[in-house]
Structures are given as structure tokens and as C-alpha cells.
Amino acid sequence: ESGEWATAFAGTIGALGVETPVPPTVNRYAGTGAATSV
């Protein structure tokens, strides 16, 4: 919302020739139980 994300993108990945996109929608998914060990 603040525009800090767009500034960060433009100065990094954007410098490689990628147009700054619209920020994505945060996915507030529910927890899925205990972790499986790696």
C-alpha cells in the first residue's frame, strides 16, 4: 500500500528490464497441522 514494495522491485529486478507489476494479493491460508520432519 505504501509504495515501498514497488520502489524495491524497480530498483532490483526492475533494473534487469522487468516492468514493475501490481503487488499480489496476500493469501492468508489456514494452518495445516504439525510439521513433517525434513
PDB file of all heavy atoms in Angstrom:
ATOM      1  N   GLU A   1       0.817  -1.215   0.000  1.00  0.00           N
ATOM      2  CA  GLU A   1       0.000   0.000   0.000  1.00  0.00           C
ATOM      3  C   GLU A   1       0.850   1.264   0.000  1.00  0.00           C
ATOM      4  O   GLU A   1       0.509   2.260  -0.659  1.00  0.00           O
ATOM      5  CB  GLU A   1      -0.923  -0.007   1.229  1.00  0.00           C
ATOM      6  CG  GLU A   1      -1.855   1.188   1.326  1.00  0.00           C
ATOM      7  CD  GLU A   1      -2.905   1.227   0.232  1.00  0.00           C
ATOM      8  OE1 GLU A   1      -3.230   0.153  -0.314  1.00  0.00           O
ATOM      9  OE2 GLU A   1      -3.394   2.342  -0.069  1.00  0.00           O
ATOM     10  N   SER A   2       1.970   1.237   0.703  1.00  0.00           N
ATOM     11  CA  SER A   2       2.787   2.447   0.865  1.00  0.00           C
ATOM     12  C   SER A   2       3.608   2.791  -0.375  1.00  0.00           C
ATOM     13  O   SER A   2       4.101   3.913  -0.501  1.00  0.00           O
ATOM     14  CB  SER A   2       3.745   2.270   2.050  1.00  0.00           C
ATOM     15  OG  SER A   2       4.738   1.283   1.759  1.00  0.00           O
ATOM     16  N   GLY A   3       3.786   1.824  -1.258  1.00  0.00           N
ATOM     17  CA  GLY A   3       4.630   2.052  -2.429  1.00  0.00           C
ATOM     18  C   GLY A   3       6.072   1.625  -2.218  1.00  0.00           C
ATOM     19  O   GLY A   3       6.875   1.632  -3.167  1.00  0.00           O
ATOM     20  N   GLU A   4       6.427   1.209  -0.992  1.00  0.00           N
ATOM     21  CA  GLU A   4       7.795   0.756  -0.712  1.00  0.00           C
ATOM     22  C   GLU A   4       8.131  -0.510  -1.490  1.00  0.00           C
ATOM     23  O   GLU A   4       9.271  -0.707  -1.928  1.00  0.00           O
ATOM     24  CB  GLU A   4       7.964   0.519   0.786  1.00  0.00           C
ATOM     25  CG  GLU A   4       7.879   1.775   1.632  1.00  0.00           C
ATOM     26  CD  GLU A   4       7.786   1.462   3.112  1.00  0.00           C
ATOM     27  OE1 GLU A   4       6.744   0.910   3.542  1.00  0.00           O
ATOM     28  OE2 GLU A   4       8.752   1.768   3.834  1.00  0.00           O
ATOM     29  N   TRP A   5       7.135  -1.368  -1.659  1.00  0.00           N
ATOM     30  CA  TRP A   5       7.332  -2.608  -2.411  1.00  0.00           C
ATOM     31  C   TRP A   5       7.694  -2.292  -3.867  1.00  0.00           C
ATOM     32  O   TRP A   5       8.643  -2.865  -4.417  1.00  0.00           O
ATOM     33  CB  TRP A   5       6.051  -3.448  -2.346  1.00  0.00           C
ATOM     34  CG  TRP A   5       6.107  -4.743  -3.098  1.00  0.00           C
ATOM     35  CD1 TRP A   5       6.511  -5.956  -2.618  1.00  0.00           C
ATOM     36  CD2 TRP A   5       5.745  -4.963  -4.469  1.00  0.00           C
ATOM     37  NE1 TRP A   5       6.423  -6.907  -3.603  1.00  0.00           N
ATOM     38  CE2 TRP A   5       5.955  -6.333  -4.749  1.00  0.00           C
ATOM     39  CE3 TRP A   5       5.258  -4.140  -5.475  1.00  0.00           C
ATOM     40  CZ2 TRP A   5       5.694  -6.894  -6.004  1.00  0.00           C
ATOM     41  CZ3 TRP A   5       5.012  -4.686  -6.724  1.00  0.00           C
ATOM     42  CH2 TRP A   5       5.228  -6.049  -6.980  1.00  0.00           C
ATOM     43  N   ALA A   6       6.943  -1.392  -4.488  1.00  0.00           N
ATOM     44  CA  ALA A   6       7.194  -1.042  -5.887  1.00  0.00           C
ATOM     45  C   ALA A   6       8.577  -0.417  -6.063  1.00  0.00           C
ATOM     46  O   ALA A   6       9.289  -0.694  -7.039  1.00  0.00           O
ATOM     47  CB  ALA A   6       6.116  -0.088  -6.392  1.00  0.00           C
ATOM     48  N   THR A   7       8.979   0.419  -5.118  1.00  0.00           N
ATOM     49  CA  THR A   7      10.302   1.033  -5.174  1.00  0.00           C
ATOM     50  C   THR A   7      11.393  -0.024  -5.077  1.00  0.00           C
ATOM     51  O   THR A   7      12.390   0.019  -5.813  1.00  0.00           O
ATOM     52  CB  THR A   7      10.470   2.048  -4.028  1.00  0.00           C
ATOM     53  OG1 THR A   7       9.494   3.083  -4.181  1.00  0.00           O
ATOM     54  CG2 THR A   7      11.858   2.661  -4.043  1.00  0.00           C
ATOM     55  N   ALA A   8      11.207  -0.995  -4.179  1.00  0.00           N
ATOM     56  CA  ALA A   8      12.179  -2.076  -4.018  1.00  0.00           C
ATOM     57  C   ALA A   8      12.278  -2.920  -5.283  1.00  0.00           C
ATOM     58  O   ALA A   8      13.380  -3.283  -5.720  1.00  0.00           O
ATOM     59  CB  ALA A   8      11.797  -2.948  -2.828  1.00  0.00           C
ATOM     60  N   PHE A   9      11.139  -3.211  -5.896  1.00  0.00           N
ATOM     61  CA  PHE A   9      11.139  -4.026  -7.117  1.00  0.00           C
ATOM     62  C   PHE A   9      11.832  -3.288  -8.263  1.00  0.00           C
ATOM     63  O   PHE A   9      12.680  -3.852  -8.957  1.00  0.00           O
ATOM     64  CB  PHE A   9       9.703  -4.378  -7.516  1.00  0.00           C
ATOM     65  CG  PHE A   9       9.604  -5.380  -8.640  1.00  0.00           C
ATOM     66  CD1 PHE A   9       9.396  -6.725  -8.369  1.00  0.00           C
ATOM     67  CD2 PHE A   9       9.726  -4.989  -9.969  1.00  0.00           C
ATOM     68  CE1 PHE A   9       9.323  -7.660  -9.401  1.00  0.00           C
ATOM     69  CE2 PHE A   9       9.657  -5.902 -11.001  1.00  0.00           C
ATOM     70  CZ  PHE A   9       9.450  -7.245 -10.713  1.00  0.00           C
ATOM     71  N   ALA A  10      11.475  -2.027  -8.445  1.00  0.00           N
ATOM     72  CA  ALA A  10      12.028  -1.245  -9.553  1.00  0.00           C
ATOM     73  C   ALA A  10      13.538  -1.111  -9.454  1.00  0.00           C
ATOM     74  O   ALA A  10      14.235  -1.091 -10.476  1.00  0.00           O
ATOM     75  CB  ALA A  10      11.379   0.139  -9.586  1.00  0.00           C
ATOM     76  N   GLY A  11      14.063  -1.052  -8.244  1.00  0.00           N
ATOM     77  CA  GLY A  11      15.497  -0.867  -8.069  1.00  0.00           C
ATOM     78  C   GLY A  11      16.305  -2.145  -8.120  1.00  0.00           C
ATOM     79  O   GLY A  11      17.544  -2.087  -8.084  1.00  0.00           O
ATOM     80  N   THR A  12      15.655  -3.279  -8.216  1.00  0.00           N
ATOM     81  CA  THR A  12      16.368  -4.562  -8.201  1.00  0.00           C
ATOM     82  C   THR A  12      16.029  -5.392  -9.448  1.00  0.00           C
ATOM     83  O   THR A  12      16.713  -5.299 -10.454  1.00  0.00           O
ATOM     84  CB  THR A  12      16.028  -5.340  -6.916  1.00  0.00           C
ATOM     85  OG1 THR A  12      14.588  -5.435  -6.779  1.00  0.00           O
ATOM     86  CG2 THR A  12      16.591  -4.636  -5.694  1.00  0.00           C
ATOM     87  N   ILE A  13      14.949  -6.148  -9.400  1.00  0.00           N
ATOM     88  CA  ILE A  13      14.540  -6.943 -10.558  1.00  0.00           C
ATOM     89  C   ILE A  13      14.187  -6.030 -11.721  1.00  0.00           C
ATOM     90  O   ILE A  13      14.473  -6.341 -12.887  1.00  0.00           O
ATOM     91  CB  ILE A  13      13.344  -7.850 -10.191  1.00  0.00           C
ATOM     92  CG1 ILE A  13      13.758  -8.840  -9.101  1.00  0.00           C
ATOM     93  CG2 ILE A  13      12.844  -8.613 -11.422  1.00  0.00           C
ATOM     94  CD1 ILE A  13      12.624  -9.702  -8.588  1.00  0.00           C
ATOM     95  N   GLY A  14      13.579  -4.889 -11.417  1.00  0.00           N
ATOM     96  CA  GLY A  14      13.222  -3.941 -12.470  1.00  0.00           C
ATOM     97  C   GLY A  14      14.426  -3.451 -13.242  1.00  0.00           C
ATOM     98  O   GLY A  14      14.328  -3.141 -14.437  1.00  0.00           O
ATOM     99  N   ALA A  15      15.582  -3.377 -12.587  1.00  0.00           N
ATOM    100  CA  ALA A  15      16.799  -2.925 -13.244  1.00  0.00           C
ATOM    101  C   ALA A  15      17.282  -3.910 -14.303  1.00  0.00           C
ATOM    102  O   ALA A  15      18.129  -3.569 -15.147  1.00  0.00           O
ATOM    103  CB  ALA A  15      17.899  -2.699 -12.208  1.00  0.00           C
ATOM    104  N   LEU A  16      16.737  -5.131 -14.281  1.00  0.00           N
ATOM    105  CA  LEU A  16      17.081  -6.142 -15.275  1.00  0.00           C
ATOM    106  C   LEU A  16      16.148  -6.094 -16.479  1.00  0.00           C
ATOM    107  O   LEU A  16      16.247  -6.932 -17.378  1.00  0.00           O
ATOM    108  CB  LEU A  16      17.030  -7.538 -14.640  1.00  0.00           C
ATOM    109  CG  LEU A  16      17.991  -7.774 -13.460  1.00  0.00           C
ATOM    110  CD1 LEU A  16      17.758  -9.154 -12.857  1.00  0.00           C
ATOM    111  CD2 LEU A  16      19.439  -7.623 -13.907  1.00  0.00           C
ATOM    112  N   GLY A  17      15.236  -5.119 -16.493  1.00  0.00           N
ATOM    113  CA  GLY A  17      14.357  -4.946 -17.643  1.00  0.00           C
ATOM    114  C   GLY A  17      12.946  -5.441 -17.450  1.00  0.00           C
ATOM    115  O   GLY A  17      12.188  -5.553 -18.423  1.00  0.00           O
ATOM    116  N   VAL A  18      12.555  -5.724 -16.197  1.00  0.00           N
ATOM    117  CA  VAL A  18      11.201  -6.201 -15.908  1.00  0.00           C
ATOM    118  C   VAL A  18      10.352  -5.034 -15.434  1.00  0.00           C
ATOM    119  O   VAL A  18      10.733  -4.309 -14.515  1.00  0.00           O
ATOM    120  CB  VAL A  18      11.216  -7.300 -14.825  1.00  0.00           C
ATOM    121  CG1 VAL A  18       9.800  -7.796 -14.550  1.00  0.00           C
ATOM    122  CG2 VAL A  18      12.112  -8.444 -15.249  1.00  0.00           C
ATOM    123  N   GLU A  19       9.196  -4.858 -16.046  1.00  0.00           N
ATOM    124  CA  GLU A  19       8.285  -3.795 -15.621  1.00  0.00           C
ATOM    125  C   GLU A  19       7.710  -4.126 -14.251  1.00  0.00           C
ATOM    126  O   GLU A  19       7.331  -5.260 -13.974  1.00  0.00           O
ATOM    127  CB  GLU A  19       7.156  -3.643 -16.643  1.00  0.00           C
ATOM    128  CG  GLU A  19       6.216  -2.485 -16.357  1.00  0.00           C
ATOM    129  CD  GLU A  19       5.164  -2.309 -17.438  1.00  0.00           C
ATOM    130  OE1 GLU A  19       5.298  -2.919 -18.519  1.00  0.00           O
ATOM    131  OE2 GLU A  19       4.202  -1.563 -17.194  1.00  0.00           O
ATOM    132  N   THR A  20       7.627  -3.128 -13.382  1.00  0.00           N
ATOM    133  CA  THR A  20       7.103  -3.342 -12.036  1.00  0.00           C
ATOM    134  C   THR A  20       5.627  -3.733 -12.102  1.00  0.00           C
ATOM    135  O   THR A  20       4.804  -2.981 -12.627  1.00  0.00           O
ATOM    136  CB  THR A  20       7.255  -2.078 -11.180  1.00  0.00           C
ATOM    137  OG1 THR A  20       8.637  -1.722 -11.117  1.00  0.00           O
ATOM    138  CG2 THR A  20       6.736  -2.317  -9.767  1.00  0.00           C
ATOM    139  N   PRO A  21       5.282  -4.909 -11.574  1.00  0.00           N
ATOM    140  CA  PRO A  21       3.891  -5.366 -11.651  1.00  0.00           C
ATOM    141  C   PRO A  21       3.047  -4.807 -10.515  1.00  0.00           C
ATOM    142  O   PRO A  21       3.542  -4.111  -9.628  1.00  0.00           O
ATOM    143  CB  PRO A  21       4.036  -6.893 -11.503  1.00  0.00           C
ATOM    144  CG  PRO A  21       5.219  -7.032 -10.580  1.00  0.00           C
ATOM    145  CD  PRO A  21       6.166  -5.905 -10.945  1.00  0.00           C
ATOM    146  N   VAL A  22       1.776  -5.125 -10.549  1.00  0.00           N
ATOM    147  CA  VAL A  22       0.889  -4.827  -9.429  1.00  0.00           C
ATOM    148  C   VAL A  22       1.192  -5.828  -8.315  1.00  0.00           C
ATOM    149  O   VAL A  22       1.381  -7.018  -8.591  1.00  0.00           O
ATOM    150  CB  VAL A  22      -0.590  -4.948  -9.860  1.00  0.00           C
ATOM    151  CG1 VAL A  22      -1.519  -4.774  -8.662  1.00  0.00           C
ATOM    152  CG2 VAL A  22      -0.907  -3.927 -10.945  1.00  0.00           C
ATOM    153  N   PRO A  23       1.280  -5.408  -7.056  1.00  0.00           N
ATOM    154  CA  PRO A  23       1.557  -6.363  -5.974  1.00  0.00           C
ATOM    155  C   PRO A  23       0.504  -7.460  -5.931  1.00  0.00           C
ATOM    156  O   PRO A  23      -0.667  -7.226  -6.246  1.00  0.00           O
ATOM    157  CB  PRO A  23       1.502  -5.498  -4.710  1.00  0.00           C
ATOM    158  CG  PRO A  23       1.742  -4.109  -5.179  1.00  0.00           C
ATOM    159  CD  PRO A  23       1.136  -4.027  -6.554  1.00  0.00           C
ATOM    160  N   PRO A  24       0.898  -8.657  -5.531  1.00  0.00           N
ATOM    161  CA  PRO A  24      -0.075  -9.748  -5.453  1.00  0.00           C
ATOM    162  C   PRO A  24      -0.980  -9.610  -4.241  1.00  0.00           C
ATOM    163  O   PRO A  24      -0.756  -8.752  -3.379  1.00  0.00           O
ATOM    164  CB  PRO A  24       0.829 -10.989  -5.308  1.00  0.00           C
ATOM    165  CG  PRO A  24       2.042 -10.470  -4.602  1.00  0.00           C
ATOM    166  CD  PRO A  24       2.259  -9.084  -5.136  1.00  0.00           C
ATOM    167  N   THR A  25      -1.990 -10.433  -4.177  1.00  0.00           N
ATOM    168  CA  THR A  25      -2.879 -10.481  -3.009  1.00  0.00           C
ATOM    169  C   THR A  25      -2.313 -11.473  -2.009  1.00  0.00           C
ATOM    170  O   THR A  25      -1.989 -12.613  -2.367  1.00  0.00           O
ATOM    171  CB  THR A  25      -4.294 -10.912  -3.418  1.00  0.00           C
ATOM    172  OG1 THR A  25      -4.820  -9.955  -4.348  1.00  0.00           O
ATOM    173  CG2 THR A  25      -5.207 -10.997  -2.202  1.00  0.00           C
ATOM    174  N   VAL A  26      -2.171 -11.056  -0.767  1.00  0.00           N
ATOM    175  CA  VAL A  26      -1.673 -11.956   0.275  1.00  0.00           C
ATOM    176  C   VAL A  26      -2.685 -13.071   0.514  1.00  0.00           C
ATOM    177  O   VAL A  26      -3.884 -12.820   0.624  1.00  0.00           O
ATOM    178  CB  VAL A  26      -1.411 -11.174   1.578  1.00  0.00           C
ATOM    179  CG1 VAL A  26      -1.169 -12.130   2.740  1.00  0.00           C
ATOM    180  CG2 VAL A  26      -0.217 -10.244   1.404  1.00  0.00           C
ATOM    181  N   ASN A  27      -2.185 -14.297   0.582  1.00  0.00           N
ATOM    182  CA  ASN A  27      -3.041 -15.462   0.791  1.00  0.00           C
ATOM    183  C   ASN A  27      -2.952 -15.883   2.253  1.00  0.00           C
ATOM    184  O   ASN A  27      -1.987 -16.504   2.673  1.00  0.00           O
ATOM    185  CB  ASN A  27      -2.592 -16.615  -0.121  1.00  0.00           C
ATOM    186  CG  ASN A  27      -3.473 -17.843   0.031  1.00  0.00           C
ATOM    187  OD1 ASN A  27      -4.420 -17.859   0.811  1.00  0.00           O
ATOM    188  ND2 ASN A  27      -3.159 -18.887  -0.708  1.00  0.00           N
ATOM    189  N   ARG A  28      -3.953 -15.536   3.040  1.00  0.00           N
ATOM    190  CA  ARG A  28      -3.945 -15.857   4.468  1.00  0.00           C
ATOM    191  C   ARG A  28      -4.561 -17.238   4.696  1.00  0.00           C
ATOM    192  O   ARG A  28      -5.630 -17.381   5.293  1.00  0.00           O
ATOM    193  CB  ARG A  28      -4.698 -14.784   5.253  1.00  0.00           C
ATOM    194  CG  ARG A  28      -4.002 -13.425   5.234  1.00  0.00           C
ATOM    195  CD  ARG A  28      -4.828 -12.360   5.936  1.00  0.00           C
ATOM    196  NE  ARG A  28      -4.128 -11.088   5.955  1.00  0.00           N
ATOM    197  CZ  ARG A  28      -3.299 -10.696   6.930  1.00  0.00           C
ATOM    198  NH1 ARG A  28      -3.067 -11.494   7.958  1.00  0.00           N
ATOM    199  NH2 ARG A  28      -2.698  -9.530   6.862  1.00  0.00           N
ATOM    200  N   TYR A  29      -3.851 -18.241   4.214  1.00  0.00           N
ATOM    201  CA  TYR A  29      -4.369 -19.608   4.326  1.00  0.00           C
ATOM    202  C   TYR A  29      -4.321 -20.079   5.777  1.00  0.00           C
ATOM    203  O   TYR A  29      -3.522 -19.612   6.589  1.00  0.00           O
ATOM    204  CB  TYR A  29      -3.574 -20.557   3.431  1.00  0.00           C
ATOM    205  CG  TYR A  29      -2.120 -20.710   3.819  1.00  0.00           C
ATOM    206  CD1 TYR A  29      -1.722 -21.665   4.753  1.00  0.00           C
ATOM    207  CD2 TYR A  29      -1.137 -19.905   3.243  1.00  0.00           C
ATOM    208  CE1 TYR A  29      -0.402 -21.802   5.108  1.00  0.00           C
ATOM    209  CE2 TYR A  29       0.188 -20.033   3.601  1.00  0.00           C
ATOM    210  CZ  TYR A  29       0.554 -20.984   4.529  1.00  0.00           C
ATOM    211  OH  TYR A  29       1.869 -21.113   4.892  1.00  0.00           O
ATOM    212  N   ALA A  30      -5.167 -21.051   6.097  1.00  0.00           N
ATOM    213  CA  ALA A  30      -5.209 -21.597   7.450  1.00  0.00           C
ATOM    214  C   ALA A  30      -4.065 -22.568   7.655  1.00  0.00           C
ATOM    215  O   ALA A  30      -3.508 -23.116   6.700  1.00  0.00           O
ATOM    216  CB  ALA A  30      -6.542 -22.304   7.680  1.00  0.00           C
ATOM    217  N   GLY A  31      -3.693 -22.783   8.909  1.00  0.00           N
ATOM    218  CA  GLY A  31      -2.639 -23.738   9.220  1.00  0.00           C
ATOM    219  C   GLY A  31      -3.031 -25.145   8.778  1.00  0.00           C
ATOM    220  O   GLY A  31      -4.209 -25.483   8.702  1.00  0.00           O
ATOM    221  N   THR A  32      -2.011 -25.969   8.535  1.00  0.00           N
ATOM    222  CA  THR A  32      -2.278 -27.323   8.011  1.00  0.00           C
ATOM    223  C   THR A  32      -1.746 -28.412   8.930  1.00  0.00           C
ATOM    224  O   THR A  32      -1.358 -29.476   8.483  1.00  0.00           O
ATOM    225  CB  THR A  32      -1.648 -27.480   6.610  1.00  0.00           C
ATOM    226  OG1 THR A  32      -0.253 -27.144   6.679  1.00  0.00           O
ATOM    227  CG2 THR A  32      -2.338 -26.582   5.612  1.00  0.00           C
ATOM    228  N   GLY A  33      -1.714 -28.152  10.238  1.00  0.00           N
ATOM    229  CA  GLY A  33      -1.311 -29.190  11.178  1.00  0.00           C
ATOM    230  C   GLY A  33       0.172 -29.169  11.488  1.00  0.00           C
ATOM    231  O   GLY A  33       0.895 -28.243  11.158  1.00  0.00           O
ATOM    232  N   ALA A  34       0.609 -30.242  12.151  1.00  0.00           N
ATOM    233  CA  ALA A  34       2.001 -30.333  12.583  1.00  0.00           C
ATOM    234  C   ALA A  34       2.942 -30.494  11.399  1.00  0.00           C
ATOM    235  O   ALA A  34       2.572 -31.023  10.355  1.00  0.00           O
ATOM    236  CB  ALA A  34       2.164 -31.508  13.544  1.00  0.00           C
ATOM    237  N   ALA A  35       4.160 -30.051  11.595  1.00  0.00           N
ATOM    238  CA  ALA A  35       5.146 -30.120  10.523  1.00  0.00           C
ATOM    239  C   ALA A  35       5.674 -31.528  10.340  1.00  0.00           C
ATOM    240  O   ALA A  35       5.825 -32.286  11.295  1.00  0.00           O
ATOM    241  CB  ALA A  35       6.304 -29.180  10.824  1.00  0.00           C
ATOM    242  N   THR A  36       5.932 -31.889   9.098  1.00  0.00           N
ATOM    243  CA  THR A  36       6.631 -33.118   8.773  1.00  0.00           C
ATOM    244  C   THR A  36       8.121 -32.835   8.826  1.00  0.00           C
ATOM    245  O   THR A  36       8.580 -31.805   8.337  1.00  0.00           O
ATOM    246  CB  THR A  36       6.248 -33.601   7.374  1.00  0.00           C
ATOM    247  OG1 THR A  36       4.835 -33.816   7.332  1.00  0.00           O
ATOM    248  CG2 THR A  36       6.973 -34.891   7.017  1.00  0.00           C
ATOM    249  N   SER A  37       8.892 -33.731   9.435  1.00  0.00           N
ATOM    250  CA  SER A  37      10.333 -33.500   9.526  1.00  0.00           C
ATOM    251  C   SER A  37      10.990 -33.642   8.170  1.00  0.00           C
ATOM    252  O   SER A  37      10.604 -34.488   7.357  1.00  0.00           O
ATOM    253  CB  SER A  37      10.965 -34.501  10.502  1.00  0.00           C
ATOM    254  OG  SER A  37      10.468 -34.292  11.807  1.00  0.00           O
ATOM    255  N   VAL A  38      11.982 -32.809   7.941  1.00  0.00           N
ATOM    256  CA  VAL A  38      12.757 -32.878   6.708  1.00  0.00           C
ATOM    257  C   VAL A  38      13.954 -33.774   6.947  1.00  0.00           C
ATOM    258  O   VAL A  38      14.714 -33.565   7.895  1.00  0.00           O
ATOM    259  CB  VAL A  38      13.233 -31.477   6.276  1.00  0.00           C
ATOM    260  CG1 VAL A  38      14.100 -31.561   5.037  1.00  0.00           C
ATOM    261  CG2 VAL A  38      12.028 -30.589   6.012  1.00  0.00           C
TER     262      VAL A  38
END
